[in-house]
Amino acid sequence: QAMLTWQQQSTKGMAVVMVWLDLLGGVLSISQNALDAGAHNDIRYITDNLPKLLIGGTTIWYDLILLSQHHILYGSGAGTTDTSRPHNAGREGYSTVQQYATDGDDIELVAGALTGRGVQPSVGVGFGVK
């Protein structure tokens, strides 16, 4: 995800809430070890569970990279619109409305555009290739 975000220079479509929840999980995991060590007055509660410490630390590090990409480097992309490309540029080869539509697309407008390109509705599936 970090490489994809870097290549696209955008975090549009990234589930930021999930990253925040993952970060919370990493912090709580390490905090649990720290609280256990403090309650028992024994540092071994932290040092003897090295895998948990490393996984929690790696999670926190990776999530901080993703959050800095989203909130600092590239922005959320929510208010930006790229007018240099036609609306359907880069979407060739899609055969369903769900695959074709992106965030903010009006599904009925997309369906109308696809109907004109030979993509027809199919029962129970949405739109399929004609």
N, C-alpha and C. Protein backbone atom coordinates (compact mmCIF):
# COMPACT_ATOMS: atom_id res chain seq x y z
N GLN A 1 0.83 -1.19 0.00
CA GLN A 1 0.00 0.00 0.00
C GLN A 1 0.87 1.25 0.00
N ALA A 2 1.92 1.26 0.77
CA ALA A 2 2.80 2.42 0.83
C ALA A 2 3.46 2.67 -0.53
N MET A 3 3.88 1.61 -1.20
CA MET A 3 4.49 1.76 -2.53
C MET A 3 3.46 2.24 -3.56
N LEU A 4 2.27 1.69 -3.51
CA LEU A 4 1.21 2.09 -4.44
C LEU A 4 0.86 3.56 -4.24
N THR A 5 0.74 3.98 -3.00
CA THR A 5 0.45 5.37 -2.69
C THR A 5 1.56 6.28 -3.19
N TRP A 6 2.79 5.86 -3.01
CA TRP A 6 3.94 6.65 -3.48
C TRP A 6 3.94 6.76 -5.00
N GLN A 7 3.66 5.64 -5.69
CA GLN A 7 3.65 5.66 -7.15
C GLN A 7 2.53 6.53 -7.69
N GLN A 8 1.36 6.49 -7.06
CA GLN A 8 0.22 7.27 -7.54
C GLN A 8 0.21 8.70 -7.02
N GLN A 9 1.02 8.97 -6.02
CA GLN A 9 1.08 10.28 -5.39
C GLN A 9 -0.32 10.70 -4.90
N SER A 10 -1.09 9.73 -4.43
CA SER A 10 -2.44 10.00 -3.96
C SER A 10 -2.87 8.88 -3.02
N THR A 11 -3.70 9.25 -2.05
CA THR A 11 -4.26 8.25 -1.15
C THR A 11 -5.76 8.10 -1.37
N LYS A 12 -6.26 8.59 -2.49
CA LYS A 12 -7.68 8.51 -2.78
C LYS A 12 -8.10 7.04 -2.81
N GLY A 13 -9.15 6.73 -2.07
CA GLY A 13 -9.65 5.37 -2.01
C GLY A 13 -9.06 4.54 -0.89
N MET A 14 -8.04 5.05 -0.21
CA MET A 14 -7.42 4.29 0.89
C MET A 14 -8.35 4.33 2.11
N ALA A 15 -8.52 3.22 2.77
CA ALA A 15 -9.37 3.13 3.96
C ALA A 15 -8.59 3.62 5.17
N VAL A 16 -8.60 4.93 5.38
CA VAL A 16 -7.80 5.54 6.44
C VAL A 16 -8.29 5.12 7.82
N VAL A 17 -9.59 4.93 7.97
CA VAL A 17 -10.12 4.50 9.26
C VAL A 17 -9.51 3.16 9.67
N MET A 18 -9.33 2.28 8.71
CA MET A 18 -8.73 0.97 9.02
C MET A 18 -7.28 1.12 9.46
N VAL A 19 -6.57 2.06 8.88
CA VAL A 19 -5.18 2.30 9.28
C VAL A 19 -5.15 2.83 10.71
N TRP A 20 -6.06 3.76 11.03
CA TRP A 20 -6.13 4.28 12.40
C TRP A 20 -6.45 3.16 13.40
N LEU A 21 -7.36 2.27 13.03
CA LEU A 21 -7.70 1.16 13.92
C LEU A 21 -6.52 0.20 14.09
N ASP A 22 -5.78 -0.04 13.01
CA ASP A 22 -4.60 -0.90 13.07
C ASP A 22 -3.54 -0.27 13.98
N LEU A 23 -3.36 1.04 13.87
CA LEU A 23 -2.42 1.76 14.74
C LEU A 23 -2.85 1.64 16.20
N LEU A 24 -4.14 1.79 16.44
CA LEU A 24 -4.65 1.64 17.80
C LEU A 24 -4.35 0.24 18.35
N GLY A 25 -4.51 -0.77 17.52
CA GLY A 25 -4.22 -2.14 17.93
C GLY A 25 -2.75 -2.32 18.29
N GLY A 26 -1.85 -1.75 17.50
CA GLY A 26 -0.42 -1.84 17.80
C GLY A 26 -0.06 -1.14 19.10
N VAL A 27 -0.64 0.04 19.30
CA VAL A 27 -0.37 0.79 20.54
C VAL A 27 -0.91 0.04 21.75
N LEU A 28 -2.12 -0.49 21.64
CA LEU A 28 -2.70 -1.23 22.77
C LEU A 28 -1.93 -2.52 23.06
N SER A 29 -1.42 -3.16 22.03
CA SER A 29 -0.64 -4.38 22.23
C SER A 29 0.62 -4.10 23.03
N ILE A 30 1.34 -3.08 22.65
CA ILE A 30 2.57 -2.74 23.37
C ILE A 30 2.23 -2.19 24.76
N SER A 31 1.14 -1.44 24.85
CA SER A 31 0.72 -0.90 26.15
C SER A 31 0.37 -2.02 27.13
N GLN A 32 -0.22 -3.09 26.62
CA GLN A 32 -0.55 -4.22 27.50
C GLN A 32 0.71 -4.81 28.12
N ASN A 33 1.76 -4.97 27.32
CA ASN A 33 3.02 -5.48 27.87
C ASN A 33 3.60 -4.52 28.89
N ALA A 34 3.53 -3.22 28.58
CA ALA A 34 4.08 -2.23 29.51
C ALA A 34 3.29 -2.22 30.83
N LEU A 35 1.97 -2.33 30.75
CA LEU A 35 1.15 -2.36 31.97
C LEU A 35 1.42 -3.62 32.79
N ASP A 36 1.57 -4.75 32.10
CA ASP A 36 1.90 -5.99 32.81
C ASP A 36 3.25 -5.87 33.51
N ALA A 37 4.22 -5.30 32.83
CA ALA A 37 5.55 -5.12 33.44
C ALA A 37 5.48 -4.20 34.66
N GLY A 38 4.69 -3.13 34.52
CA GLY A 38 4.54 -2.21 35.65
C GLY A 38 3.80 -2.83 36.82
N ALA A 39 2.76 -3.59 36.53
CA ALA A 39 1.95 -4.21 37.59
C ALA A 39 2.74 -5.26 38.36
N HIS A 40 3.63 -5.97 37.67
CA HIS A 40 4.41 -7.01 38.31
C HIS A 40 5.82 -6.55 38.68
N ASN A 41 6.12 -5.31 38.35
CA ASN A 41 7.43 -4.73 38.63
C ASN A 41 8.54 -5.63 38.08
N ASP A 42 8.33 -6.08 36.82
CA ASP A 42 9.27 -7.00 36.19
C ASP A 42 9.35 -6.69 34.70
N ILE A 43 10.51 -6.24 34.24
CA ILE A 43 10.71 -5.84 32.85
C ILE A 43 10.63 -7.03 31.89
N ARG A 44 10.73 -8.25 32.44
CA ARG A 44 10.68 -9.44 31.59
C ARG A 44 9.33 -9.60 30.88
N TYR A 45 8.28 -8.94 31.38
CA TYR A 45 6.99 -8.99 30.69
C TYR A 45 7.07 -8.31 29.32
N ILE A 46 8.04 -7.44 29.16
CA ILE A 46 8.25 -6.79 27.86
C ILE A 46 9.31 -7.55 27.07
N THR A 47 10.43 -7.81 27.68
CA THR A 47 11.56 -8.39 26.94
C THR A 47 11.37 -9.87 26.60
N ASP A 48 10.61 -10.61 27.40
CA ASP A 48 10.41 -12.04 27.12
C ASP A 48 9.38 -12.30 26.03
N ASN A 49 8.65 -11.29 25.65
CA ASN A 49 7.64 -11.45 24.60
C ASN A 49 8.06 -10.61 23.39
N LEU A 50 9.26 -10.92 22.89
CA LEU A 50 9.84 -10.16 21.79
C LEU A 50 8.99 -10.20 20.51
N PRO A 51 8.40 -11.33 20.12
CA PRO A 51 7.57 -11.32 18.90
C PRO A 51 6.41 -10.32 18.98
N LYS A 52 5.74 -10.27 20.12
CA LYS A 52 4.63 -9.34 20.29
C LYS A 52 5.12 -7.90 20.20
N LEU A 53 6.26 -7.64 20.81
CA LEU A 53 6.85 -6.30 20.78
C LEU A 53 7.23 -5.91 19.35
N LEU A 54 7.85 -6.82 18.62
CA LEU A 54 8.27 -6.52 17.24
C LEU A 54 7.08 -6.34 16.30
N ILE A 55 6.06 -7.18 16.45
CA ILE A 55 4.88 -7.04 15.60
C ILE A 55 4.16 -5.73 15.90
N GLY A 56 4.00 -5.41 17.17
CA GLY A 56 3.36 -4.15 17.54
C GLY A 56 4.15 -2.95 17.04
N GLY A 57 5.47 -2.99 17.19
CA GLY A 57 6.31 -1.89 16.73
C GLY A 57 6.31 -1.74 15.22
N THR A 58 6.33 -2.87 14.51
CA THR A 58 6.28 -2.84 13.05
C THR A 58 4.94 -2.29 12.58
N THR A 59 3.87 -2.69 13.23
CA THR A 59 2.54 -2.19 12.89
C THR A 59 2.47 -0.68 13.07
N ILE A 60 2.97 -0.21 14.19
CA ILE A 60 2.95 1.23 14.46
C ILE A 60 3.78 1.98 13.42
N TRP A 61 4.96 1.50 13.11
CA TRP A 61 5.84 2.15 12.13
C TRP A 61 5.18 2.22 10.75
N TYR A 62 4.65 1.11 10.30
CA TYR A 62 4.02 1.05 8.98
C TYR A 62 2.78 1.95 8.92
N ASP A 63 1.96 1.92 9.97
CA ASP A 63 0.76 2.76 9.99
C ASP A 63 1.13 4.24 10.01
N LEU A 64 2.20 4.59 10.70
CA LEU A 64 2.63 6.00 10.70
C LEU A 64 3.07 6.44 9.31
N ILE A 65 3.69 5.54 8.56
CA ILE A 65 4.07 5.85 7.17
C ILE A 65 2.81 6.13 6.35
N LEU A 66 1.82 5.23 6.44
CA LEU A 66 0.59 5.40 5.67
C LEU A 66 -0.17 6.67 6.08
N LEU A 67 -0.24 6.94 7.37
CA LEU A 67 -0.95 8.13 7.83
C LEU A 67 -0.23 9.41 7.43
N SER A 68 1.11 9.39 7.44
CA SER A 68 1.84 10.58 7.00
C SER A 68 1.64 10.80 5.50
N GLN A 69 1.56 9.71 4.73
CA GLN A 69 1.26 9.86 3.30
C GLN A 69 -0.11 10.48 3.11
N HIS A 70 -1.07 10.04 3.89
CA HIS A 70 -2.44 10.50 3.72
C HIS A 70 -2.63 11.94 4.22
N HIS A 71 -2.13 12.23 5.41
CA HIS A 71 -2.42 13.52 6.04
C HIS A 71 -1.39 14.60 5.75
N ILE A 72 -0.17 14.23 5.37
CA ILE A 72 0.88 15.23 5.19
C ILE A 72 1.35 15.32 3.74
N LEU A 73 1.79 14.19 3.17
CA LEU A 73 2.42 14.23 1.86
C LEU A 73 1.46 14.45 0.70
N TYR A 74 0.42 13.62 0.62
CA TYR A 74 -0.43 13.63 -0.56
C TYR A 74 -1.84 14.12 -0.30
N GLY A 75 -2.21 14.32 0.93
CA GLY A 75 -3.56 14.75 1.24
C GLY A 75 -4.55 13.64 1.03
N SER A 76 -5.77 13.90 1.43
CA SER A 76 -6.81 12.87 1.32
C SER A 76 -7.32 12.72 -0.09
N GLY A 77 -7.13 13.74 -0.93
CA GLY A 77 -7.61 13.66 -2.30
C GLY A 77 -9.10 13.84 -2.42
N ALA A 78 -9.77 14.10 -1.31
CA ALA A 78 -11.22 14.19 -1.34
C ALA A 78 -11.70 15.40 -2.12
N GLY A 79 -10.98 16.51 -2.05
CA GLY A 79 -11.45 17.71 -2.72
C GLY A 79 -10.76 17.97 -4.04
N THR A 80 -9.96 17.06 -4.50
CA THR A 80 -9.23 17.30 -5.74
C THR A 80 -9.88 16.58 -6.90
N THR A 81 -9.84 17.21 -8.05
CA THR A 81 -10.36 16.61 -9.26
C THR A 81 -9.34 16.79 -10.35
N ASP A 82 -9.03 15.72 -11.03
CA ASP A 82 -8.08 15.77 -12.14
C ASP A 82 -8.87 16.01 -13.42
N THR A 83 -8.77 17.22 -13.97
CA THR A 83 -9.52 17.55 -15.18
C THR A 83 -8.69 17.35 -16.43
N SER A 84 -7.46 16.87 -16.28
CA SER A 84 -6.60 16.69 -17.44
C SER A 84 -6.90 15.40 -18.19
N ARG A 85 -7.64 14.48 -17.57
CA ARG A 85 -7.97 13.21 -18.21
C ARG A 85 -9.47 13.13 -18.42
N PRO A 86 -9.91 12.50 -19.50
CA PRO A 86 -11.34 12.27 -19.67
C PRO A 86 -11.88 11.41 -18.54
N HIS A 87 -13.17 11.49 -18.30
CA HIS A 87 -13.79 10.79 -17.16
C HIS A 87 -13.53 9.29 -17.18
N ASN A 88 -13.48 8.69 -18.33
CA ASN A 88 -13.31 7.24 -18.38
C ASN A 88 -11.90 6.81 -18.76
N ALA A 89 -10.93 7.71 -18.72
CA ALA A 89 -9.56 7.34 -19.09
C ALA A 89 -9.02 6.31 -18.11
N GLY A 90 -8.39 5.30 -18.61
CA GLY A 90 -7.78 4.28 -17.77
C GLY A 90 -8.74 3.21 -17.31
N ARG A 91 -9.98 3.25 -17.75
CA ARG A 91 -10.96 2.28 -17.29
C ARG A 91 -11.38 1.32 -18.40
N GLU A 92 -10.63 1.27 -19.45
CA GLU A 92 -10.97 0.37 -20.54
C GLU A 92 -10.88 -1.08 -20.04
N GLY A 93 -11.74 -1.93 -20.56
CA GLY A 93 -11.68 -3.34 -20.20
C GLY A 93 -12.57 -3.73 -19.05
N TYR A 94 -13.21 -2.76 -18.41
CA TYR A 94 -14.11 -3.11 -17.31
C TYR A 94 -15.44 -3.56 -17.89
N SER A 95 -16.03 -4.58 -17.30
CA SER A 95 -17.26 -5.11 -17.85
C SER A 95 -18.45 -4.96 -16.90
N THR A 96 -18.23 -4.45 -15.70
CA THR A 96 -19.35 -4.24 -14.79
C THR A 96 -19.33 -2.82 -14.28
N VAL A 97 -20.50 -2.34 -13.89
CA VAL A 97 -20.61 -0.98 -13.37
C VAL A 97 -19.78 -0.85 -12.10
N GLN A 98 -19.81 -1.87 -11.25
CA GLN A 98 -19.06 -1.80 -10.01
C GLN A 98 -17.56 -1.69 -10.26
N GLN A 99 -17.04 -2.38 -11.28
CA GLN A 99 -15.63 -2.29 -11.59
C GLN A 99 -15.31 -0.94 -12.21
N TYR A 100 -16.23 -0.39 -12.95
CA TYR A 100 -16.00 0.83 -13.72
C TYR A 100 -16.12 2.07 -12.86
N ALA A 101 -17.08 2.08 -11.96
CA ALA A 101 -17.35 3.27 -11.16
C ALA A 101 -16.25 3.48 -10.13
N THR A 102 -15.95 4.74 -9.85
CA THR A 102 -14.99 5.09 -8.80
C THR A 102 -15.69 5.96 -7.78
N ASP A 103 -15.00 6.31 -6.70
CA ASP A 103 -15.58 7.15 -5.67
C ASP A 103 -16.13 8.44 -6.28
N GLY A 104 -17.33 8.76 -5.94
CA GLY A 104 -17.93 10.00 -6.40
C GLY A 104 -18.67 9.87 -7.72
N ASP A 105 -18.54 8.75 -8.42
CA ASP A 105 -19.26 8.57 -9.67
C ASP A 105 -20.73 8.32 -9.39
N ASP A 106 -21.59 8.90 -10.20
CA ASP A 106 -23.01 8.63 -10.15
C ASP A 106 -23.24 7.32 -10.89
N ILE A 107 -23.70 6.30 -10.19
CA ILE A 107 -23.79 4.96 -10.76
C ILE A 107 -24.70 4.93 -11.98
N GLU A 108 -25.76 5.76 -11.99
CA GLU A 108 -26.66 5.77 -13.15
C GLU A 108 -26.00 6.40 -14.36
N LEU A 109 -25.18 7.45 -14.16
CA LEU A 109 -24.45 8.04 -15.28
C LEU A 109 -23.44 7.05 -15.85
N VAL A 110 -22.78 6.33 -14.96
CA VAL A 110 -21.81 5.33 -15.41
C VAL A 110 -22.54 4.23 -16.18
N ALA A 111 -23.68 3.79 -15.65
CA ALA A 111 -24.45 2.74 -16.33
C ALA A 111 -24.89 3.20 -17.71
N GLY A 112 -25.31 4.46 -17.83
CA GLY A 112 -25.70 4.99 -19.13
C GLY A 112 -24.54 5.03 -20.10
N ALA A 113 -23.38 5.42 -19.61
CA ALA A 113 -22.20 5.48 -20.47
C ALA A 113 -21.79 4.07 -20.91
N LEU A 114 -21.90 3.11 -20.02
CA LEU A 114 -21.53 1.74 -20.36
C LEU A 114 -22.50 1.13 -21.36
N THR A 115 -23.79 1.46 -21.24
CA THR A 115 -24.77 0.93 -22.18
C THR A 115 -24.42 1.37 -23.59
N GLY A 116 -23.96 2.61 -23.73
CA GLY A 116 -23.55 3.11 -25.04
C GLY A 116 -22.29 2.44 -25.55
N ARG A 117 -21.52 1.78 -24.68
CA ARG A 117 -20.27 1.12 -25.09
C ARG A 117 -20.46 -0.39 -25.25
N GLY A 118 -21.70 -0.85 -25.27
CA GLY A 118 -21.94 -2.27 -25.50
C GLY A 118 -22.02 -3.10 -24.24
N VAL A 119 -22.06 -2.48 -23.07
CA VAL A 119 -22.20 -3.21 -21.82
C VAL A 119 -23.66 -3.15 -21.45
N GLN A 120 -24.30 -4.30 -21.31
CA GLN A 120 -25.75 -4.38 -21.07
C GLN A 120 -26.03 -4.95 -19.69
N PRO A 121 -27.18 -4.55 -19.12
CA PRO A 121 -27.55 -5.14 -17.83
C PRO A 121 -27.83 -6.62 -17.97
N SER A 122 -27.45 -7.39 -16.96
CA SER A 122 -27.78 -8.81 -16.93
C SER A 122 -28.47 -9.09 -15.61
N VAL A 123 -29.41 -9.99 -15.62
CA VAL A 123 -30.25 -10.25 -14.46
C VAL A 123 -29.43 -10.73 -13.28
N GLY A 124 -29.61 -10.06 -12.14
CA GLY A 124 -29.00 -10.48 -10.89
C GLY A 124 -27.52 -10.20 -10.76
N VAL A 125 -26.87 -9.75 -11.82
CA VAL A 125 -25.44 -9.54 -11.76
C VAL A 125 -25.10 -8.06 -11.91
N GLY A 126 -26.01 -7.27 -12.43
CA GLY A 126 -25.71 -5.88 -12.71
C GLY A 126 -25.49 -5.74 -14.19
N PHE A 127 -24.32 -5.29 -14.56
CA PHE A 127 -24.01 -5.11 -15.97
C PHE A 127 -22.96 -6.12 -16.39
N GLY A 128 -23.15 -6.72 -17.52
CA GLY A 128 -22.20 -7.70 -18.03
C GLY A 128 -21.84 -7.37 -19.46
N VAL A 129 -20.81 -7.96 -19.98
CA VAL A 129 -20.36 -7.70 -21.34
C VAL A 129 -21.36 -8.29 -22.32
N LYS A 130 -21.71 -7.51 -23.35
CA LYS A 130 -22.68 -7.96 -24.34
C LYS A 130 -22.03 -8.92 -25.31
